[in-house]
C-alpha cells in the first residue's frame, strides 16, 4: 500500500451503502487514504416549477435516516461521513481543493442533471483523477447491445441475456481493511444529530 496514490474522496450519491458497492471497493483497493463525502443540496428541498420539489418530505426523511445509518457504520470502522451543503459541483470541487485530494470516485451518474454535475466537476478539476464506476445493475452496459426489439418484453431481454451467457458483476464486499481516514477538521461538514 505504500506505493499507492495517497488521497481519494469517495462521493456517496444515491448509493448510501458500504456493501455491494463496486465503486467504493475500487476506491478502497487503489488508495492509501480516503474521505467519505455526501452533498446535501438545499435547492432540492425548495419548490421549483408548479411548486414541485425535487425531494419531498418523505424521501428527505429516508435520505437522512440512510445517512445516519451510513455514518454509524463508518464510525465503527474508524471513519466519518463528511456532509457538505450546497450546489453539488461547487461543494465537491471546493472540498477536493481544500483537502488536496488526488482522486474523486463515485458511482456513475444515471440522471441527466447528475451527469451534467459530474461533467462540471471533471471540467473544473482537470488535474484530479475523476472516476465514475458503473454500480447500478447486474450487467455492465457495455455487455448488452440492446435494441428496441430486445426491450419489447422481459422475455425477449431474458432470452438475449441467456443466449449470450453474460457474466453477472460480482457483489462488492467491503474490503477487510479500509484505507486510512483523511483527517478533515470537524468544523468542515454538517452533522446529522
C-alpha atoms as a PDB file:
ATOM      1  CA  UNK A   1       0.000   0.000   0.000  1.00  0.00           C
ATOM      2  CA  UNK A   2       2.976   2.319   0.402  1.00  0.00           C
ATOM      3  CA  UNK A   3       3.362   2.958  -3.335  1.00  0.00           C
ATOM      4  CA  UNK A   4      -0.374   3.617  -3.835  1.00  0.00           C
ATOM      5  CA  UNK A   5      -1.590   7.110  -4.640  1.00  0.00           C
ATOM      6  CA  UNK A   6      -2.337   8.894  -1.406  1.00  0.00           C
ATOM      7  CA  UNK A   7      -5.735  10.596  -1.136  1.00  0.00           C
ATOM      8  CA  UNK A   8      -9.132   9.799  -2.598  1.00  0.00           C
ATOM      9  CA  UNK A   9     -12.563  11.215  -1.841  1.00  0.00           C
ATOM     10  CA  UNK A  10     -15.461   8.824  -2.264  1.00  0.00           C
ATOM     11  CA  UNK A  11     -18.660  10.732  -3.055  1.00  0.00           C
ATOM     12  CA  UNK A  12     -21.815   8.933  -1.982  1.00  0.00           C
ATOM     13  CA  UNK A  13     -24.711   9.925  -4.230  1.00  0.00           C
ATOM     14  CA  UNK A  14     -27.631   7.518  -4.467  1.00  0.00           C
ATOM     15  CA  UNK A  15     -25.655   4.527  -3.218  1.00  0.00           C
ATOM     16  CA  UNK A  16     -25.697   5.042   0.544  1.00  0.00           C
ATOM     17  CA  UNK A  17     -24.228   1.675   1.423  1.00  0.00           C
ATOM     18  CA  UNK A  18     -20.891   0.040   2.184  1.00  0.00           C
ATOM     19  CA  UNK A  19     -21.808  -3.448   0.976  1.00  0.00           C
ATOM     20  CA  UNK A  20     -22.417  -4.225  -2.706  1.00  0.00           C
ATOM     21  CA  UNK A  21     -20.753  -1.011  -3.789  1.00  0.00           C
ATOM     22  CA  UNK A  22     -18.243  -1.683  -6.580  1.00  0.00           C
ATOM     23  CA  UNK A  23     -17.187   1.966  -6.836  1.00  0.00           C
ATOM     24  CA  UNK A  24     -16.382   2.109  -3.120  1.00  0.00           C
ATOM     25  CA  UNK A  25     -14.469  -1.176  -3.321  1.00  0.00           C
ATOM     26  CA  UNK A  26     -12.414   0.163  -6.203  1.00  0.00           C
ATOM     27  CA  UNK A  27     -11.513   3.320  -4.277  1.00  0.00           C
ATOM     28  CA  UNK A  28     -10.592   1.342  -1.144  1.00  0.00           C
ATOM     29  CA  UNK A  29      -8.372  -1.040  -3.111  1.00  0.00           C
ATOM     30  CA  UNK A  30      -6.456   1.660  -5.006  1.00  0.00           C
ATOM     31  CA  UNK A  31      -5.782   4.452  -2.489  1.00  0.00           C
ATOM     32  CA  UNK A  32      -3.922   4.715   0.805  1.00  0.00           C
ATOM     33  CA  UNK A  33      -6.288   7.203   2.480  1.00  0.00           C
ATOM     34  CA  UNK A  34      -9.920   8.067   1.934  1.00  0.00           C
ATOM     35  CA  UNK A  35     -12.572  10.618   2.851  1.00  0.00           C
ATOM     36  CA  UNK A  36     -16.265   9.794   2.520  1.00  0.00           C
ATOM     37  CA  UNK A  37     -18.465  12.690   1.429  1.00  0.00           C
ATOM     38  CA  UNK A  38     -22.124  13.342   0.704  1.00  0.00           C
ATOM     39  CA  UNK A  39     -23.652  16.598  -0.554  1.00  0.00           C
ATOM     40  CA  UNK A  40     -26.994  17.979   0.576  1.00  0.00           C
ATOM     41  CA  UNK A  41     -28.327  20.471  -1.934  1.00  0.00           C
ATOM     42  CA  UNK A  42     -30.830  22.803  -0.189  1.00  0.00           C
ATOM     43  CA  UNK A  43     -32.193  23.720  -3.633  1.00  0.00           C
ATOM     44  CA  UNK A  44     -33.675  20.198  -3.948  1.00  0.00           C
ATOM     45  CA  UNK A  45     -35.967  20.726  -0.959  1.00  0.00           C
ATOM     46  CA  UNK A  46     -37.390  24.028  -2.246  1.00  0.00           C
ATOM     47  CA  UNK A  47     -40.241  24.493  -4.688  1.00  0.00           C
ATOM     48  CA  UNK A  48     -39.491  24.541  -8.417  1.00  0.00           C
ATOM     49  CA  UNK A  49     -41.890  24.641 -11.340  1.00  0.00           C
ATOM     50  CA  UNK A  50     -45.514  24.484 -10.233  1.00  0.00           C
ATOM     51  CA  UNK A  51     -44.387  24.285  -6.581  1.00  0.00           C
ATOM     52  CA  UNK A  52     -42.910  20.822  -7.238  1.00  0.00           C
ATOM     53  CA  UNK A  53     -39.976  19.828  -5.008  1.00  0.00           C
ATOM     54  CA  UNK A  54     -37.157  17.660  -6.330  1.00  0.00           C
ATOM     55  CA  UNK A  55     -37.089  15.857  -2.976  1.00  0.00           C
ATOM     56  CA  UNK A  56     -40.270  15.608  -0.902  1.00  0.00           C
ATOM     57  CA  UNK A  57     -40.514  15.352   2.875  1.00  0.00           C
ATOM     58  CA  UNK A  58     -40.799  11.537   2.979  1.00  0.00           C
ATOM     59  CA  UNK A  59     -37.837  10.986   0.660  1.00  0.00           C
ATOM     60  CA  UNK A  60     -35.798  13.557   2.594  1.00  0.00           C
ATOM     61  CA  UNK A  61     -36.540  11.725   5.852  1.00  0.00           C
ATOM     62  CA  UNK A  62     -35.479   8.428   4.232  1.00  0.00           C
ATOM     63  CA  UNK A  63     -32.240  10.012   2.978  1.00  0.00           C
ATOM     64  CA  UNK A  64     -31.435  11.405   6.439  1.00  0.00           C
ATOM     65  CA  UNK A  65     -32.121   8.026   8.053  1.00  0.00           C
ATOM     66  CA  UNK A  66     -29.886   6.334   5.478  1.00  0.00           C
ATOM     67  CA  UNK A  67     -27.132   8.912   6.011  1.00  0.00           C
ATOM     68  CA  UNK A  68     -27.334   8.461   9.774  1.00  0.00           C
ATOM     69  CA  UNK A  69     -27.051   4.669   9.379  1.00  0.00           C
ATOM     70  CA  UNK A  70     -24.136   5.029   6.955  1.00  0.00           C
ATOM     71  CA  UNK A  71     -22.387   7.423   9.339  1.00  0.00           C
ATOM     72  CA  UNK A  72     -22.770   4.922  12.197  1.00  0.00           C
ATOM     73  CA  UNK A  73     -21.314   2.118  10.055  1.00  0.00           C
ATOM     74  CA  UNK A  74     -18.360   4.293   9.079  1.00  0.00           C
ATOM     75  CA  UNK A  75     -17.738   5.269  12.718  1.00  0.00           C
ATOM     76  CA  UNK A  76     -17.413   1.600  13.680  1.00  0.00           C
ATOM     77  CA  UNK A  77     -14.690   1.343  11.010  1.00  0.00           C
ATOM     78  CA  UNK A  78     -12.811   4.413  12.265  1.00  0.00           C
ATOM     79  CA  UNK A  79     -14.089   6.813   9.597  1.00  0.00           C
ATOM     80  CA  UNK A  80     -16.643   9.577   9.373  1.00  0.00           C
ATOM     81  CA  UNK A  81     -19.111  10.766   6.784  1.00  0.00           C
ATOM     82  CA  UNK A  82     -18.437  14.365   5.796  1.00  0.00           C
ATOM     83  CA  UNK A  83     -21.699  16.002   4.802  1.00  0.00           C
ATOM     84  CA  UNK A  84     -21.273  19.034   2.582  1.00  0.00           C
ATOM     85  CA  UNK A  85     -24.007  21.530   1.800  1.00  0.00           C
ATOM     86  CA  UNK A  86     -24.576  23.476  -1.387  1.00  0.00           C
ATOM     87  CA  UNK A  87     -24.690  23.024  -5.121  1.00  0.00           C
ATOM     88  CA  UNK A  88     -23.014  19.591  -5.567  1.00  0.00           C
ATOM     89  CA  UNK A  89     -20.400  20.538  -8.181  1.00  0.00           C
ATOM     90  CA  UNK A  90     -19.273  23.575  -6.165  1.00  0.00           C
ATOM     91  CA  UNK A  91     -19.229  21.717  -2.833  1.00  0.00           C
ATOM     92  CA  UNK A  92     -17.277  18.745  -4.205  1.00  0.00           C
ATOM     93  CA  UNK A  93     -14.743  20.903  -6.085  1.00  0.00           C
ATOM     94  CA  UNK A  94     -14.180  23.075  -3.005  1.00  0.00           C
ATOM     95  CA  UNK A  95     -13.668  20.024  -0.761  1.00  0.00           C
ATOM     96  CA  UNK A  96     -11.240  18.395  -3.219  1.00  0.00           C
ATOM     97  CA  UNK A  97      -9.202  21.604  -3.475  1.00  0.00           C
ATOM     98  CA  UNK A  98      -9.151  22.287   0.300  1.00  0.00           C
ATOM     99  CA  UNK A  99      -8.088  18.740   1.165  1.00  0.00           C
ATOM    100  CA  UNK A 100      -5.553  18.299  -1.682  1.00  0.00           C
ATOM    101  CA  UNK A 101      -7.387  15.222  -2.909  1.00  0.00           C
ATOM    102  CA  UNK A 102      -5.709  13.304  -5.749  1.00  0.00           C
ATOM    103  CA  UNK A 103      -8.793  11.443  -6.984  1.00  0.00           C
ATOM    104  CA  UNK A 104     -12.563  11.561  -6.783  1.00  0.00           C
ATOM    105  CA  UNK A 105     -14.592   8.363  -7.142  1.00  0.00           C
ATOM    106  CA  UNK A 106     -18.351   7.848  -7.234  1.00  0.00           C
ATOM    107  CA  UNK A 107     -20.976   5.609  -8.771  1.00  0.00           C
ATOM    108  CA  UNK A 108     -21.575   6.504 -12.399  1.00  0.00           C
ATOM    109  CA  UNK A 109     -24.439   9.008 -12.541  1.00  0.00           C
ATOM    110  CA  UNK A 110     -27.517   7.970 -14.478  1.00  0.00           C
ATOM    111  CA  UNK A 111     -29.795  11.015 -14.461  1.00  0.00           C
ATOM    112  CA  UNK A 112     -29.349  13.916 -16.864  1.00  0.00           C
ATOM    113  CA  UNK A 113     -28.780  16.529 -14.126  1.00  0.00           C
ATOM    114  CA  UNK A 114     -26.400  14.211 -12.264  1.00  0.00           C
ATOM    115  CA  UNK A 115     -24.403  13.583 -15.457  1.00  0.00           C
ATOM    116  CA  UNK A 116     -24.162  17.330 -16.059  1.00  0.00           C
ATOM    117  CA  UNK A 117     -22.959  17.851 -12.477  1.00  0.00           C
ATOM    118  CA  UNK A 118     -20.276  15.184 -12.953  1.00  0.00           C
ATOM    119  CA  UNK A 119     -19.196  16.826 -16.214  1.00  0.00           C
ATOM    120  CA  UNK A 120     -18.837  20.204 -14.453  1.00  0.00           C
ATOM    121  CA  UNK A 121     -16.706  18.572 -11.756  1.00  0.00           C
ATOM    122  CA  UNK A 122     -14.455  16.906 -14.333  1.00  0.00           C
ATOM    123  CA  UNK A 123     -14.110  20.200 -16.220  1.00  0.00           C
ATOM    124  CA  UNK A 124     -13.216  22.139 -13.049  1.00  0.00           C
ATOM    125  CA  UNK A 125     -10.763  19.527 -11.757  1.00  0.00           C
ATOM    126  CA  UNK A 126      -8.622  18.584 -14.782  1.00  0.00           C
ATOM    127  CA  UNK A 127      -5.622  17.805 -12.556  1.00  0.00           C
ATOM    128  CA  UNK A 128      -7.652  15.341 -10.443  1.00  0.00           C
ATOM    129  CA  UNK A 129      -8.460  11.787 -11.462  1.00  0.00           C
ATOM    130  CA  UNK A 130     -12.265  11.670 -11.580  1.00  0.00           C
ATOM    131  CA  UNK A 131     -13.619   8.166 -11.883  1.00  0.00           C
ATOM    132  CA  UNK A 132     -17.292   7.186 -12.095  1.00  0.00           C
ATOM    133  CA  UNK A 133     -17.827   3.422 -11.861  1.00  0.00           C
ATOM    134  CA  UNK A 134     -20.978   1.608 -13.005  1.00  0.00           C
ATOM    135  CA  UNK A 135     -22.684   0.313  -9.879  1.00  0.00           C
ATOM    136  CA  UNK A 136     -26.376   0.056 -10.705  1.00  0.00           C
ATOM    137  CA  UNK A 137     -27.233  -3.246 -12.377  1.00  0.00           C
ATOM    138  CA  UNK A 138     -26.208  -6.881 -12.577  1.00  0.00           C
ATOM    139  CA  UNK A 139     -24.739  -6.338 -16.026  1.00  0.00           C
ATOM    140  CA  UNK A 140     -22.387  -3.678 -17.275  1.00  0.00           C
ATOM    141  CA  UNK A 141     -23.920  -1.514 -20.037  1.00  0.00           C
ATOM    142  CA  UNK A 142     -21.149  -2.421 -22.479  1.00  0.00           C
ATOM    143  CA  UNK A 143     -22.081  -6.116 -22.129  1.00  0.00           C
ATOM    144  CA  UNK A 144     -25.517  -5.530 -23.596  1.00  0.00           C
ATOM    145  CA  UNK A 145     -26.218  -4.362 -27.121  1.00  0.00           C
ATOM    146  CA  UNK A 146     -29.855  -3.571 -26.576  1.00  0.00           C
ATOM    147  CA  UNK A 147     -32.286  -2.610 -29.293  1.00  0.00           C
ATOM    148  CA  UNK A 148     -35.952  -1.719 -29.037  1.00  0.00           C
ATOM    149  CA  UNK A 149     -36.821  -5.248 -30.191  1.00  0.00           C
ATOM    150  CA  UNK A 150     -34.829  -6.780 -27.321  1.00  0.00           C
ATOM    151  CA  UNK A 151     -36.552  -4.453 -24.866  1.00  0.00           C
ATOM    152  CA  UNK A 152     -40.135  -5.052 -26.052  1.00  0.00           C
ATOM    153  CA  UNK A 153     -40.693  -7.511 -23.241  1.00  0.00           C
ATOM    154  CA  UNK A 154     -38.860  -9.027 -20.359  1.00  0.00           C
ATOM    155  CA  UNK A 155     -38.900 -12.410 -22.146  1.00  0.00           C
ATOM    156  CA  UNK A 156     -37.001 -11.070 -25.147  1.00  0.00           C
ATOM    157  CA  UNK A 157     -34.468  -9.414 -22.835  1.00  0.00           C
ATOM    158  CA  UNK A 158     -34.128 -12.615 -20.763  1.00  0.00           C
ATOM    159  CA  UNK A 159     -33.604 -14.732 -23.899  1.00  0.00           C
ATOM    160  CA  UNK A 160     -30.936 -12.297 -25.124  1.00  0.00           C
ATOM    161  CA  UNK A 161     -29.078 -12.490 -21.800  1.00  0.00           C
ATOM    162  CA  UNK A 162     -29.404 -16.278 -21.585  1.00  0.00           C
ATOM    163  CA  UNK A 163     -28.217 -16.756 -25.165  1.00  0.00           C
ATOM    164  CA  UNK A 164     -25.009 -14.773 -24.644  1.00  0.00           C
ATOM    165  CA  UNK A 165     -24.464 -16.088 -21.092  1.00  0.00           C
ATOM    166  CA  UNK A 166     -23.292 -12.728 -19.784  1.00  0.00           C
ATOM    167  CA  UNK A 167     -21.321 -12.824 -16.573  1.00  0.00           C
ATOM    168  CA  UNK A 168     -23.051 -11.087 -13.704  1.00  0.00           C
ATOM    169  CA  UNK A 169     -20.988  -8.457 -11.903  1.00  0.00           C
ATOM    170  CA  UNK A 170     -19.761  -9.852  -8.590  1.00  0.00           C
ATOM    171  CA  UNK A 171     -21.323  -8.474  -5.448  1.00  0.00           C
ATOM    172  CA  UNK A 172     -18.908  -5.997  -3.944  1.00  0.00           C
ATOM    173  CA  UNK A 173     -17.983  -6.994  -0.439  1.00  0.00           C
ATOM    174  CA  UNK A 174     -16.379  -4.355   1.735  1.00  0.00           C
ATOM    175  CA  UNK A 175     -12.604  -4.890   1.941  1.00  0.00           C
ATOM    176  CA  UNK A 176     -11.333  -6.331   5.223  1.00  0.00           C
ATOM    177  CA  UNK A 177      -9.444  -3.130   5.949  1.00  0.00           C
ATOM    178  CA  UNK A 178     -10.267   0.349   4.751  1.00  0.00           C
ATOM    179  CA  UNK A 179      -7.635   2.880   3.761  1.00  0.00           C
ATOM    180  CA  UNK A 180      -6.616   5.345   6.459  1.00  0.00           C
ATOM    181  CA  UNK A 181      -9.087   8.171   7.036  1.00  0.00           C
ATOM    182  CA  UNK A 182      -8.129  11.590   5.708  1.00  0.00           C
ATOM    183  CA  UNK A 183      -8.023  13.954   8.655  1.00  0.00           C
ATOM    184  CA  UNK A 184     -10.617  16.629   7.975  1.00  0.00           C
ATOM    185  CA  UNK A 185     -11.392  19.261  10.616  1.00  0.00           C
ATOM    186  CA  UNK A 186     -14.689  18.511  12.350  1.00  0.00           C
ATOM    187  CA  UNK A 187     -15.781  22.075  11.616  1.00  0.00           C
ATOM    188  CA  UNK A 188     -15.976  21.088   7.957  1.00  0.00           C
ATOM    189  CA  UNK A 189     -19.233  19.359   7.088  1.00  0.00           C
ATOM    190  CA  UNK A 190     -22.665  19.195   8.648  1.00  0.00           C
ATOM    191  CA  UNK A 191     -23.751  16.853  11.432  1.00  0.00           C
ATOM    192  CA  UNK A 192     -26.869  14.707  11.436  1.00  0.00           C
ATOM    193  CA  UNK A 193     -27.514  14.837  15.161  1.00  0.00           C
END
